[in-house]
């Protein structure tokens, strides 16, 4: 259960790489990329008894090579950690950097992340579980917000229909305004509650990820 090689490339230009031992990993990885064209966000190819796991993000390709025992959770955790740190530190410089120019600066970072996820496979799985739960909560919040807004719009439409025969009645119009204000206040309260819940969930994810290691990767 080990990771043996990783690189960061801009297209077919390998900017930085690290290998646990010698091999033609870079050439094989680039061949895999060329065989499928532009990869999606995540892509895995199995060749020579190893998994070549790619992440396409913000114009760069991140690759990690694992043996047959390397889990999908482990490789995904590495790609997330490595891509976060690379984009934070080198995004602007790497746009025009030549082949291999960032290996000296970033190879040790790739090595550290590979060693960390191999040493803490279950820890990374817990972090990913928390992140999935946070994504589910955010999706549910979005549904609730849409439902609240739709309810407010339906109430206003109902008021308008009821008010049509009595449009000239100032008392009715005043009551309609009060109902609309009440509906808006209700919507605002729900918004505030949902945003507070979102903040708590994101804070929990941040703490979980930061506690997991030296690098915060939320």
N, C-alpha and C. Protein backbone atom coordinates (compact mmCIF):
# COMPACT_ATOMS: atom_id res chain seq x y z
N UNK A 1 0.86 -1.19 0.00
CA UNK A 1 0.00 0.00 0.00
C UNK A 1 0.89 1.23 0.00
N UNK A 2 1.42 1.58 -1.19
CA UNK A 2 2.36 2.70 -1.22
C UNK A 2 2.17 3.56 -2.46
N UNK A 3 2.57 4.82 -2.32
CA UNK A 3 2.63 5.76 -3.43
C UNK A 3 4.10 5.90 -3.81
N UNK A 4 4.39 5.85 -5.11
CA UNK A 4 5.79 5.77 -5.52
C UNK A 4 6.25 6.96 -6.36
N UNK A 5 5.32 7.74 -6.91
CA UNK A 5 5.74 8.83 -7.80
C UNK A 5 4.62 9.86 -7.89
N UNK A 6 5.02 11.11 -8.09
CA UNK A 6 4.03 12.16 -8.33
C UNK A 6 4.65 13.27 -9.17
N UNK A 7 3.80 13.95 -9.93
CA UNK A 7 4.27 15.13 -10.64
C UNK A 7 3.17 16.17 -10.73
N UNK A 8 3.61 17.40 -11.08
CA UNK A 8 2.70 18.49 -11.41
C UNK A 8 3.08 18.95 -12.80
N UNK A 9 2.11 19.02 -13.71
CA UNK A 9 2.43 19.43 -15.07
C UNK A 9 1.46 20.51 -15.55
N UNK A 10 1.94 21.24 -16.53
CA UNK A 10 1.09 22.19 -17.27
C UNK A 10 1.01 21.63 -18.68
N UNK A 11 -0.10 20.93 -18.97
CA UNK A 11 -0.16 20.18 -20.21
C UNK A 11 0.85 19.04 -20.15
N UNK A 12 1.74 18.97 -21.14
CA UNK A 12 2.77 17.93 -21.14
C UNK A 12 4.09 18.42 -20.57
N UNK A 13 4.11 19.63 -20.03
CA UNK A 13 5.32 20.18 -19.41
C UNK A 13 5.33 19.84 -17.93
N UNK A 14 6.20 18.93 -17.53
CA UNK A 14 6.29 18.53 -16.13
C UNK A 14 7.07 19.59 -15.37
N UNK A 15 6.41 20.25 -14.44
CA UNK A 15 7.03 21.36 -13.71
C UNK A 15 7.78 20.90 -12.48
N UNK A 16 7.26 19.89 -11.79
CA UNK A 16 7.89 19.38 -10.58
C UNK A 16 7.53 17.92 -10.43
N UNK A 17 8.45 17.11 -9.89
CA UNK A 17 8.18 15.70 -9.72
C UNK A 17 8.99 15.14 -8.56
N UNK A 18 8.50 14.02 -8.05
CA UNK A 18 9.23 13.29 -7.00
C UNK A 18 9.02 11.80 -7.24
N UNK A 19 10.10 11.02 -7.13
CA UNK A 19 10.03 9.57 -7.29
C UNK A 19 10.68 8.90 -6.09
N UNK A 20 9.99 7.91 -5.54
CA UNK A 20 10.56 7.14 -4.43
C UNK A 20 11.72 6.28 -4.93
N UNK A 21 11.66 5.87 -6.20
CA UNK A 21 12.76 5.14 -6.83
C UNK A 21 12.66 5.37 -8.33
N UNK A 22 13.72 5.02 -9.05
CA UNK A 22 13.80 5.32 -10.47
C UNK A 22 12.77 4.52 -11.27
N UNK A 23 12.27 5.14 -12.32
CA UNK A 23 11.31 4.49 -13.20
C UNK A 23 10.85 5.47 -14.27
N UNK A 24 10.16 4.95 -15.28
CA UNK A 24 9.68 5.81 -16.37
C UNK A 24 8.26 6.30 -16.09
N UNK A 25 8.00 6.70 -14.85
CA UNK A 25 6.66 7.09 -14.44
C UNK A 25 6.14 8.31 -15.20
N UNK A 26 7.00 9.31 -15.38
CA UNK A 26 6.55 10.54 -16.05
C UNK A 26 6.14 10.25 -17.49
N UNK A 27 6.96 9.49 -18.20
CA UNK A 27 6.65 9.17 -19.60
C UNK A 27 5.34 8.39 -19.70
N UNK A 28 5.17 7.41 -18.80
CA UNK A 28 3.94 6.62 -18.82
C UNK A 28 2.73 7.48 -18.49
N UNK A 29 2.88 8.37 -17.51
CA UNK A 29 1.79 9.26 -17.15
C UNK A 29 1.37 10.17 -18.29
N UNK A 30 2.36 10.72 -19.00
CA UNK A 30 2.05 11.59 -20.14
C UNK A 30 1.39 10.81 -21.27
N UNK A 31 1.80 9.56 -21.46
CA UNK A 31 1.16 8.72 -22.47
C UNK A 31 -0.31 8.48 -22.13
N UNK A 32 -0.57 8.25 -20.84
CA UNK A 32 -1.96 8.07 -20.41
C UNK A 32 -2.78 9.32 -20.70
N UNK A 33 -2.21 10.48 -20.42
CA UNK A 33 -2.92 11.73 -20.68
C UNK A 33 -3.23 11.90 -22.15
N UNK A 34 -2.25 11.62 -23.00
CA UNK A 34 -2.43 11.81 -24.44
C UNK A 34 -3.44 10.82 -25.01
N UNK A 35 -3.54 9.64 -24.40
CA UNK A 35 -4.45 8.63 -24.93
C UNK A 35 -5.91 8.97 -24.67
N UNK A 36 -6.17 9.78 -23.63
CA UNK A 36 -7.57 10.13 -23.32
C UNK A 36 -7.89 11.58 -23.66
N UNK A 37 -6.91 12.33 -24.17
CA UNK A 37 -7.14 13.74 -24.45
C UNK A 37 -7.21 14.52 -23.15
N UNK A 38 -8.05 15.56 -23.13
CA UNK A 38 -8.20 16.38 -21.93
C UNK A 38 -8.97 15.59 -20.87
N UNK A 39 -8.35 15.32 -19.71
CA UNK A 39 -9.04 14.53 -18.70
C UNK A 39 -10.11 15.33 -17.98
N UNK A 40 -10.99 14.61 -17.31
CA UNK A 40 -11.96 15.28 -16.46
C UNK A 40 -11.29 15.70 -15.16
N UNK A 41 -12.09 16.07 -14.19
CA UNK A 41 -11.54 16.51 -12.91
C UNK A 41 -10.68 15.42 -12.29
N UNK A 42 -11.15 14.17 -12.35
CA UNK A 42 -10.40 13.04 -11.82
C UNK A 42 -10.34 11.96 -12.90
N UNK A 43 -9.19 11.27 -12.96
CA UNK A 43 -9.02 10.23 -13.97
C UNK A 43 -8.00 9.23 -13.46
N UNK A 44 -8.28 7.94 -13.62
CA UNK A 44 -7.36 6.90 -13.18
C UNK A 44 -7.13 5.92 -14.32
N UNK A 45 -5.85 5.58 -14.54
CA UNK A 45 -5.49 4.57 -15.53
C UNK A 45 -4.67 3.49 -14.82
N UNK A 46 -4.93 2.24 -15.15
CA UNK A 46 -4.19 1.12 -14.57
C UNK A 46 -3.26 0.59 -15.64
N UNK A 47 -1.97 0.59 -15.35
CA UNK A 47 -0.99 0.08 -16.30
C UNK A 47 0.23 -0.43 -15.54
N UNK A 48 0.81 -1.50 -16.06
CA UNK A 48 2.01 -2.08 -15.47
C UNK A 48 1.82 -2.41 -13.98
N UNK A 49 0.59 -2.78 -13.62
CA UNK A 49 0.33 -3.16 -12.24
C UNK A 49 0.25 -2.00 -11.27
N UNK A 50 0.18 -0.79 -11.79
CA UNK A 50 0.09 0.40 -10.93
C UNK A 50 -1.08 1.27 -11.38
N UNK A 51 -1.55 2.09 -10.44
CA UNK A 51 -2.62 3.04 -10.77
C UNK A 51 -2.01 4.42 -10.97
N UNK A 52 -2.34 5.04 -12.09
CA UNK A 52 -1.91 6.41 -12.39
C UNK A 52 -3.14 7.29 -12.18
N UNK A 53 -3.10 8.08 -11.13
CA UNK A 53 -4.27 8.85 -10.69
C UNK A 53 -4.04 10.33 -10.96
N UNK A 54 -4.94 10.94 -11.75
CA UNK A 54 -4.79 12.31 -12.19
C UNK A 54 -5.87 13.21 -11.60
N UNK A 55 -5.49 14.44 -11.35
CA UNK A 55 -6.44 15.49 -10.99
C UNK A 55 -6.17 16.69 -11.90
N UNK A 56 -7.17 17.12 -12.66
CA UNK A 56 -7.06 18.31 -13.50
C UNK A 56 -7.68 19.48 -12.74
N UNK A 57 -6.87 20.51 -12.49
CA UNK A 57 -7.37 21.62 -11.68
C UNK A 57 -6.68 22.93 -12.06
N UNK A 58 -7.47 23.92 -12.41
CA UNK A 58 -6.98 25.28 -12.69
C UNK A 58 -5.86 25.32 -13.72
N UNK A 59 -5.93 24.46 -14.73
CA UNK A 59 -4.95 24.48 -15.80
C UNK A 59 -3.73 23.62 -15.56
N UNK A 60 -3.69 22.89 -14.46
CA UNK A 60 -2.56 22.01 -14.14
C UNK A 60 -3.05 20.57 -14.01
N UNK A 61 -2.12 19.63 -14.20
CA UNK A 61 -2.40 18.21 -14.00
C UNK A 61 -1.55 17.73 -12.83
N UNK A 62 -2.20 17.11 -11.87
CA UNK A 62 -1.50 16.53 -10.72
C UNK A 62 -1.62 15.01 -10.84
N UNK A 63 -0.49 14.33 -10.74
CA UNK A 63 -0.45 12.87 -10.88
C UNK A 63 0.17 12.24 -9.64
N UNK A 64 -0.41 11.13 -9.21
CA UNK A 64 0.24 10.30 -8.20
C UNK A 64 0.11 8.85 -8.66
N UNK A 65 1.20 8.11 -8.53
CA UNK A 65 1.25 6.71 -8.95
C UNK A 65 1.28 5.84 -7.70
N UNK A 66 0.38 4.87 -7.65
CA UNK A 66 0.34 3.96 -6.51
C UNK A 66 0.45 2.52 -6.95
N UNK A 67 0.89 1.65 -6.03
CA UNK A 67 0.91 0.23 -6.35
C UNK A 67 -0.50 -0.34 -6.21
N UNK A 68 -0.63 -1.65 -6.37
CA UNK A 68 -1.96 -2.25 -6.39
C UNK A 68 -2.70 -2.09 -5.07
N UNK A 69 -1.97 -1.90 -3.97
CA UNK A 69 -2.62 -1.78 -2.67
C UNK A 69 -3.04 -0.37 -2.30
N UNK A 70 -2.69 0.60 -3.12
CA UNK A 70 -3.02 2.00 -2.81
C UNK A 70 -4.51 2.23 -3.02
N UNK A 71 -5.19 2.70 -1.98
CA UNK A 71 -6.64 2.89 -2.06
C UNK A 71 -6.99 4.18 -2.80
N UNK A 72 -8.22 4.22 -3.30
CA UNK A 72 -8.70 5.43 -3.97
C UNK A 72 -8.75 6.60 -3.00
N UNK A 73 -9.10 6.32 -1.72
CA UNK A 73 -9.14 7.39 -0.72
C UNK A 73 -7.76 7.99 -0.50
N UNK A 74 -6.73 7.13 -0.47
CA UNK A 74 -5.37 7.60 -0.25
C UNK A 74 -4.90 8.48 -1.40
N UNK A 75 -5.11 8.02 -2.64
CA UNK A 75 -4.64 8.81 -3.78
C UNK A 75 -5.42 10.12 -3.90
N UNK A 76 -6.73 10.08 -3.61
CA UNK A 76 -7.53 11.31 -3.67
C UNK A 76 -7.07 12.29 -2.61
N UNK A 77 -6.75 11.79 -1.42
CA UNK A 77 -6.28 12.67 -0.34
C UNK A 77 -4.96 13.33 -0.73
N UNK A 78 -4.05 12.57 -1.33
CA UNK A 78 -2.78 13.16 -1.77
C UNK A 78 -3.01 14.24 -2.81
N UNK A 79 -3.82 13.94 -3.82
CA UNK A 79 -4.04 14.90 -4.90
C UNK A 79 -4.66 16.19 -4.38
N UNK A 80 -5.56 16.08 -3.42
CA UNK A 80 -6.17 17.28 -2.86
C UNK A 80 -5.15 18.11 -2.09
N UNK A 81 -4.36 17.45 -1.25
CA UNK A 81 -3.37 18.17 -0.44
C UNK A 81 -2.30 18.81 -1.32
N UNK A 82 -1.78 18.04 -2.27
CA UNK A 82 -0.71 18.56 -3.13
C UNK A 82 -1.20 19.70 -4.01
N UNK A 83 -2.39 19.57 -4.58
CA UNK A 83 -2.90 20.63 -5.45
C UNK A 83 -3.18 21.90 -4.67
N UNK A 84 -3.73 21.76 -3.47
CA UNK A 84 -3.98 22.95 -2.64
C UNK A 84 -2.69 23.72 -2.37
N UNK A 85 -1.64 23.01 -1.98
CA UNK A 85 -0.40 23.70 -1.64
C UNK A 85 0.28 24.28 -2.87
N UNK A 86 0.27 23.54 -3.97
CA UNK A 86 0.92 24.05 -5.19
C UNK A 86 0.23 25.31 -5.68
N UNK A 87 -1.08 25.29 -5.77
CA UNK A 87 -1.81 26.46 -6.27
C UNK A 87 -1.66 27.65 -5.34
N UNK A 88 -1.57 27.40 -4.06
CA UNK A 88 -1.40 28.49 -3.10
C UNK A 88 -0.03 29.14 -3.24
N UNK A 89 1.00 28.33 -3.51
CA UNK A 89 2.37 28.85 -3.51
C UNK A 89 2.90 29.24 -4.89
N UNK A 90 2.47 28.51 -5.95
CA UNK A 90 3.15 28.67 -7.23
C UNK A 90 2.24 28.94 -8.43
N UNK A 91 0.96 29.16 -8.21
CA UNK A 91 0.03 29.29 -9.34
C UNK A 91 0.50 30.31 -10.37
N UNK A 92 0.80 31.53 -9.94
CA UNK A 92 1.19 32.58 -10.88
C UNK A 92 2.52 32.27 -11.55
N UNK A 93 3.51 31.87 -10.78
CA UNK A 93 4.84 31.58 -11.33
C UNK A 93 4.78 30.41 -12.31
N UNK A 94 3.98 29.40 -12.00
CA UNK A 94 3.96 28.18 -12.80
C UNK A 94 3.32 28.37 -14.17
N UNK A 95 2.60 29.47 -14.37
CA UNK A 95 1.94 29.69 -15.66
C UNK A 95 2.93 29.76 -16.81
N UNK A 96 4.14 30.22 -16.52
CA UNK A 96 5.16 30.34 -17.58
C UNK A 96 6.46 29.63 -17.22
N UNK A 97 6.44 28.81 -16.18
CA UNK A 97 7.67 28.13 -15.74
C UNK A 97 8.09 27.06 -16.75
N UNK A 98 9.40 26.91 -17.00
CA UNK A 98 9.87 25.88 -17.94
C UNK A 98 9.88 24.49 -17.30
N UNK A 99 10.14 23.51 -18.14
CA UNK A 99 10.18 22.11 -17.72
C UNK A 99 11.11 21.90 -16.52
N UNK A 100 10.60 21.26 -15.48
CA UNK A 100 11.42 20.87 -14.33
C UNK A 100 11.87 21.99 -13.43
N UNK A 101 11.46 23.22 -13.69
CA UNK A 101 12.01 24.36 -12.95
C UNK A 101 11.54 24.43 -11.50
N UNK A 102 10.46 23.74 -11.16
CA UNK A 102 9.95 23.81 -9.79
C UNK A 102 10.24 22.54 -8.98
N UNK A 103 10.97 21.60 -9.59
CA UNK A 103 11.26 20.35 -8.88
C UNK A 103 12.05 20.60 -7.61
N UNK A 104 13.06 21.45 -7.68
CA UNK A 104 13.89 21.70 -6.50
C UNK A 104 13.08 22.27 -5.35
N UNK A 105 12.11 23.11 -5.67
CA UNK A 105 11.31 23.76 -4.62
C UNK A 105 10.15 22.89 -4.14
N UNK A 106 9.57 22.08 -5.05
CA UNK A 106 8.32 21.42 -4.68
C UNK A 106 8.43 19.91 -4.52
N UNK A 107 9.53 19.30 -4.92
CA UNK A 107 9.66 17.84 -4.81
C UNK A 107 9.52 17.38 -3.37
N UNK A 108 10.14 18.12 -2.44
CA UNK A 108 10.07 17.69 -1.04
C UNK A 108 8.64 17.80 -0.50
N UNK A 109 7.86 18.74 -1.04
CA UNK A 109 6.46 18.87 -0.62
C UNK A 109 5.65 17.66 -1.10
N UNK A 110 5.88 17.26 -2.34
CA UNK A 110 5.22 16.06 -2.86
C UNK A 110 5.58 14.85 -2.01
N UNK A 111 6.86 14.74 -1.67
CA UNK A 111 7.33 13.62 -0.84
C UNK A 111 6.64 13.62 0.53
N UNK A 112 6.56 14.80 1.15
CA UNK A 112 5.93 14.89 2.47
C UNK A 112 4.46 14.49 2.43
N UNK A 113 3.74 14.94 1.42
CA UNK A 113 2.32 14.60 1.33
C UNK A 113 2.13 13.11 1.05
N UNK A 114 2.99 12.53 0.21
CA UNK A 114 2.90 11.10 -0.05
C UNK A 114 3.12 10.31 1.23
N UNK A 115 4.15 10.67 1.99
CA UNK A 115 4.45 9.96 3.23
C UNK A 115 3.33 10.14 4.25
N UNK A 116 2.76 11.34 4.29
CA UNK A 116 1.72 11.60 5.29
C UNK A 116 0.47 10.76 5.04
N UNK A 117 -0.03 10.75 3.80
CA UNK A 117 -1.27 10.01 3.54
C UNK A 117 -1.04 8.50 3.65
N UNK A 118 0.18 8.03 3.39
CA UNK A 118 0.45 6.61 3.59
C UNK A 118 0.48 6.26 5.07
N UNK A 119 0.95 7.18 5.90
CA UNK A 119 1.03 6.93 7.34
C UNK A 119 -0.30 7.12 8.04
N UNK A 120 -1.23 7.87 7.44
CA UNK A 120 -2.51 8.17 8.08
C UNK A 120 -3.69 7.90 7.14
N UNK A 121 -3.82 6.69 6.61
CA UNK A 121 -4.90 6.43 5.64
C UNK A 121 -6.29 6.56 6.24
N UNK A 122 -6.49 6.08 7.47
CA UNK A 122 -7.83 6.16 8.07
C UNK A 122 -8.17 7.58 8.45
N UNK A 123 -7.16 8.36 8.82
CA UNK A 123 -7.40 9.76 9.19
C UNK A 123 -7.91 10.54 8.00
N UNK A 124 -7.30 10.33 6.84
CA UNK A 124 -7.75 11.01 5.64
C UNK A 124 -9.17 10.57 5.27
N UNK A 125 -9.50 9.30 5.51
CA UNK A 125 -10.86 8.83 5.22
C UNK A 125 -11.88 9.55 6.08
N UNK A 126 -11.53 9.79 7.36
CA UNK A 126 -12.45 10.50 8.25
C UNK A 126 -12.66 11.93 7.77
N UNK A 127 -11.59 12.58 7.36
CA UNK A 127 -11.70 13.96 6.86
C UNK A 127 -12.61 14.01 5.64
N UNK A 128 -12.42 13.07 4.72
CA UNK A 128 -13.24 13.05 3.52
C UNK A 128 -14.70 12.78 3.86
N UNK A 129 -14.94 11.95 4.89
CA UNK A 129 -16.32 11.69 5.31
C UNK A 129 -16.96 12.97 5.85
N UNK A 130 -16.19 13.75 6.63
CA UNK A 130 -16.70 15.02 7.15
C UNK A 130 -16.99 15.98 6.00
N UNK A 131 -16.09 16.02 5.01
CA UNK A 131 -16.29 16.92 3.88
C UNK A 131 -17.52 16.51 3.07
N UNK A 132 -17.74 15.21 2.90
CA UNK A 132 -18.94 14.76 2.19
C UNK A 132 -20.20 15.16 2.95
N UNK A 133 -20.15 15.02 4.28
CA UNK A 133 -21.30 15.40 5.09
C UNK A 133 -21.57 16.89 4.97
N UNK A 134 -20.49 17.70 4.96
CA UNK A 134 -20.67 19.14 4.81
C UNK A 134 -21.30 19.47 3.46
N UNK A 135 -20.88 18.76 2.42
CA UNK A 135 -21.47 18.99 1.09
C UNK A 135 -22.96 18.65 1.09
N UNK A 136 -23.32 17.56 1.79
CA UNK A 136 -24.73 17.19 1.88
C UNK A 136 -25.54 18.26 2.61
N UNK A 137 -24.96 18.79 3.70
CA UNK A 137 -25.65 19.83 4.46
C UNK A 137 -25.84 21.08 3.61
N UNK A 138 -24.80 21.47 2.85
CA UNK A 138 -24.92 22.65 1.99
C UNK A 138 -26.01 22.46 0.94
N UNK A 139 -26.07 21.24 0.36
CA UNK A 139 -27.10 20.97 -0.64
C UNK A 139 -28.49 21.05 -0.03
N UNK A 140 -28.65 20.51 1.18
CA UNK A 140 -29.95 20.56 1.85
C UNK A 140 -30.33 21.99 2.18
N UNK A 141 -29.34 22.79 2.61
CA UNK A 141 -29.60 24.20 2.91
C UNK A 141 -30.09 24.93 1.67
N UNK A 142 -29.46 24.65 0.53
CA UNK A 142 -29.86 25.31 -0.71
C UNK A 142 -31.31 24.96 -1.05
N UNK A 143 -31.68 23.69 -0.84
CA UNK A 143 -33.06 23.29 -1.10
C UNK A 143 -34.03 24.04 -0.18
N UNK A 144 -33.66 24.15 1.10
CA UNK A 144 -34.53 24.83 2.06
C UNK A 144 -34.69 26.32 1.72
N UNK A 145 -33.59 26.95 1.32
CA UNK A 145 -33.66 28.36 0.96
C UNK A 145 -34.57 28.57 -0.24
N UNK A 146 -34.42 27.69 -1.24
CA UNK A 146 -35.28 27.80 -2.42
C UNK A 146 -36.75 27.62 -2.05
N UNK A 147 -37.01 26.68 -1.12
CA UNK A 147 -38.40 26.44 -0.70
C UNK A 147 -38.97 27.65 0.01
N UNK A 148 -38.15 28.29 0.88
CA UNK A 148 -38.61 29.48 1.60
C UNK A 148 -38.90 30.61 0.63
N UNK A 149 -37.99 30.83 -0.33
CA UNK A 149 -38.19 31.91 -1.29
C UNK A 149 -39.41 31.64 -2.16
N UNK A 150 -39.59 30.37 -2.55
CA UNK A 150 -40.76 30.03 -3.37
C UNK A 150 -42.04 30.25 -2.59
N UNK A 151 -42.01 29.93 -1.28
CA UNK A 151 -43.18 30.16 -0.44
C UNK A 151 -43.51 31.63 -0.33
N UNK A 152 -42.48 32.48 -0.19
CA UNK A 152 -42.72 33.91 -0.11
C UNK A 152 -43.31 34.46 -1.39
N UNK A 153 -42.79 33.98 -2.53
CA UNK A 153 -43.32 34.44 -3.82
C UNK A 153 -44.77 34.00 -4.00
N UNK A 154 -45.09 32.77 -3.55
CA UNK A 154 -46.46 32.28 -3.68
C UNK A 154 -47.41 33.11 -2.83
N UNK A 155 -46.96 33.51 -1.62
CA UNK A 155 -47.81 34.32 -0.75
C UNK A 155 -48.09 35.68 -1.38
N UNK A 156 -47.06 36.30 -1.95
CA UNK A 156 -47.26 37.60 -2.58
C UNK A 156 -48.20 37.49 -3.77
N UNK A 157 -48.05 36.41 -4.56
CA UNK A 157 -48.93 36.23 -5.71
C UNK A 157 -50.38 36.05 -5.26
N UNK A 158 -50.57 35.29 -4.16
CA UNK A 158 -51.92 35.09 -3.64
C UNK A 158 -52.53 36.40 -3.16
N UNK A 159 -51.71 37.23 -2.50
CA UNK A 159 -52.19 38.53 -2.03
C UNK A 159 -52.62 39.41 -3.19
N UNK A 160 -51.81 39.38 -4.26
CA UNK A 160 -52.14 40.21 -5.42
C UNK A 160 -53.47 39.80 -6.04
N UNK A 161 -53.69 38.48 -6.13
CA UNK A 161 -54.95 38.01 -6.72
C UNK A 161 -56.15 38.40 -5.84
N UNK A 162 -55.97 38.25 -4.52
CA UNK A 162 -57.07 38.58 -3.61
C UNK A 162 -57.32 40.08 -3.57
N UNK A 163 -56.27 40.87 -3.79
CA UNK A 163 -56.40 42.32 -3.68
C UNK A 163 -57.02 42.95 -4.92
N UNK A 164 -57.02 42.23 -6.03
CA UNK A 164 -57.48 42.83 -7.29
C UNK A 164 -58.88 43.44 -7.19
N UNK A 165 -59.89 42.73 -6.62
CA UNK A 165 -61.23 43.33 -6.58
C UNK A 165 -61.32 44.51 -5.61
N UNK A 166 -60.37 44.58 -4.69
CA UNK A 166 -60.46 45.61 -3.64
C UNK A 166 -59.26 46.54 -3.67
N UNK A 167 -58.73 46.75 -4.85
CA UNK A 167 -57.48 47.50 -4.95
C UNK A 167 -57.58 48.88 -4.34
N UNK A 168 -58.76 49.46 -4.36
CA UNK A 168 -58.89 50.83 -3.85
C UNK A 168 -59.00 50.90 -2.34
N UNK A 169 -59.15 49.78 -1.67
CA UNK A 169 -59.32 49.80 -0.21
C UNK A 169 -58.01 50.00 0.51
N UNK A 170 -57.83 51.12 1.14
CA UNK A 170 -56.55 51.39 1.81
C UNK A 170 -56.30 50.43 2.95
N UNK A 171 -57.39 50.01 3.64
CA UNK A 171 -57.20 49.10 4.77
C UNK A 171 -56.66 47.76 4.28
N UNK A 172 -57.21 47.27 3.16
CA UNK A 172 -56.74 46.00 2.63
C UNK A 172 -55.28 46.10 2.19
N UNK A 173 -54.95 47.21 1.53
CA UNK A 173 -53.57 47.40 1.07
C UNK A 173 -52.61 47.43 2.24
N UNK A 174 -53.01 48.08 3.34
CA UNK A 174 -52.14 48.12 4.52
C UNK A 174 -51.94 46.72 5.07
N UNK A 175 -53.04 45.94 5.10
CA UNK A 175 -52.91 44.56 5.58
C UNK A 175 -52.01 43.74 4.68
N UNK A 176 -52.11 43.95 3.37
CA UNK A 176 -51.25 43.23 2.44
C UNK A 176 -49.79 43.55 2.66
N UNK A 177 -49.52 44.84 2.90
CA UNK A 177 -48.12 45.22 3.15
C UNK A 177 -47.59 44.54 4.41
N UNK A 178 -48.44 44.46 5.44
CA UNK A 178 -48.01 43.81 6.69
C UNK A 178 -47.72 42.33 6.45
N UNK A 179 -48.57 41.68 5.67
CA UNK A 179 -48.34 40.26 5.37
C UNK A 179 -47.04 40.07 4.60
N UNK A 180 -46.78 40.97 3.64
CA UNK A 180 -45.54 40.85 2.88
C UNK A 180 -44.32 41.05 3.76
N UNK A 181 -44.41 42.05 4.66
CA UNK A 181 -43.29 42.28 5.58
C UNK A 181 -43.06 41.06 6.47
N UNK A 182 -44.17 40.47 6.93
CA UNK A 182 -44.05 39.28 7.78
C UNK A 182 -43.38 38.14 7.02
N UNK A 183 -43.78 37.94 5.76
CA UNK A 183 -43.19 36.87 4.96
C UNK A 183 -41.70 37.10 4.75
N UNK A 184 -41.34 38.37 4.48
CA UNK A 184 -39.93 38.67 4.27
C UNK A 184 -39.13 38.46 5.55
N UNK A 185 -39.71 38.87 6.70
CA UNK A 185 -39.02 38.67 7.98
C UNK A 185 -38.80 37.18 8.25
N UNK A 186 -39.82 36.38 7.93
CA UNK A 186 -39.68 34.94 8.12
C UNK A 186 -38.55 34.40 7.24
N UNK A 187 -38.50 34.86 5.99
CA UNK A 187 -37.45 34.41 5.08
C UNK A 187 -36.07 34.81 5.59
N UNK A 188 -35.95 36.04 6.09
CA UNK A 188 -34.67 36.52 6.62
C UNK A 188 -34.24 35.68 7.81
N UNK A 189 -35.19 35.36 8.70
CA UNK A 189 -34.84 34.55 9.86
C UNK A 189 -34.35 33.16 9.45
N UNK A 190 -35.01 32.57 8.46
CA UNK A 190 -34.58 31.26 7.98
C UNK A 190 -33.20 31.35 7.34
N UNK A 191 -32.98 32.39 6.54
CA UNK A 191 -31.66 32.61 5.93
C UNK A 191 -30.58 32.68 7.01
N UNK A 192 -30.83 33.48 8.04
CA UNK A 192 -29.83 33.65 9.11
C UNK A 192 -29.54 32.33 9.80
N UNK A 193 -30.60 31.56 10.08
CA UNK A 193 -30.40 30.28 10.75
C UNK A 193 -29.59 29.33 9.88
N UNK A 194 -29.90 29.29 8.58
CA UNK A 194 -29.18 28.40 7.68
C UNK A 194 -27.73 28.82 7.51
N UNK A 195 -27.49 30.12 7.42
CA UNK A 195 -26.11 30.60 7.30
C UNK A 195 -25.31 30.30 8.55
N UNK A 196 -25.95 30.42 9.72
CA UNK A 196 -25.26 30.08 10.97
C UNK A 196 -24.90 28.61 10.99
N UNK A 197 -25.83 27.76 10.53
CA UNK A 197 -25.55 26.33 10.46
C UNK A 197 -24.41 26.05 9.50
N UNK A 198 -24.40 26.75 8.36
CA UNK A 198 -23.31 26.56 7.39
C UNK A 198 -21.97 26.93 8.00
N UNK A 199 -21.94 28.03 8.74
CA UNK A 199 -20.69 28.46 9.37
C UNK A 199 -20.19 27.42 10.36
N UNK A 200 -21.11 26.83 11.13
CA UNK A 200 -20.71 25.80 12.09
C UNK A 200 -20.16 24.57 11.39
N UNK A 201 -20.83 24.15 10.31
CA UNK A 201 -20.37 22.97 9.58
C UNK A 201 -19.00 23.20 8.97
N UNK A 202 -18.82 24.36 8.33
CA UNK A 202 -17.53 24.66 7.71
C UNK A 202 -16.43 24.79 8.76
N UNK A 203 -16.76 25.35 9.92
CA UNK A 203 -15.77 25.44 10.99
C UNK A 203 -15.37 24.05 11.46
N UNK A 204 -16.34 23.14 11.56
CA UNK A 204 -16.04 21.78 11.98
C UNK A 204 -15.13 21.09 10.98
N UNK A 205 -15.41 21.30 9.68
CA UNK A 205 -14.56 20.71 8.64
C UNK A 205 -13.15 21.28 8.74
N UNK A 206 -13.06 22.60 8.91
CA UNK A 206 -11.74 23.23 9.01
C UNK A 206 -10.94 22.69 10.17
N UNK A 207 -11.57 22.54 11.33
CA UNK A 207 -10.87 22.00 12.50
C UNK A 207 -10.42 20.58 12.25
N UNK A 208 -11.32 19.76 11.64
CA UNK A 208 -10.98 18.37 11.39
C UNK A 208 -9.79 18.25 10.46
N UNK A 209 -9.77 19.07 9.41
CA UNK A 209 -8.69 18.99 8.44
C UNK A 209 -7.39 19.51 9.03
N UNK A 210 -7.44 20.63 9.73
CA UNK A 210 -6.23 21.21 10.29
C UNK A 210 -5.62 20.32 11.37
N UNK A 211 -6.47 19.67 12.15
CA UNK A 211 -5.97 18.79 13.20
C UNK A 211 -5.31 17.57 12.59
N UNK A 212 -5.72 17.22 11.35
CA UNK A 212 -5.22 16.00 10.73
C UNK A 212 -3.74 16.06 10.41
N UNK A 213 -3.18 17.23 10.23
CA UNK A 213 -1.77 17.30 9.89
C UNK A 213 -1.23 18.69 9.96
N UNK A 214 -0.05 18.83 9.40
CA UNK A 214 0.63 20.12 9.47
C UNK A 214 0.03 21.13 8.53
N UNK A 215 -0.61 20.67 7.46
CA UNK A 215 -1.13 21.58 6.43
C UNK A 215 -2.64 21.60 6.48
N UNK A 216 -3.24 22.77 6.45
CA UNK A 216 -4.69 22.90 6.37
C UNK A 216 -5.07 22.86 4.90
N UNK A 217 -5.99 22.00 4.55
CA UNK A 217 -6.30 21.81 3.14
C UNK A 217 -7.75 22.01 2.82
N UNK A 218 -8.53 22.74 3.63
CA UNK A 218 -9.94 22.98 3.33
C UNK A 218 -10.05 23.86 2.10
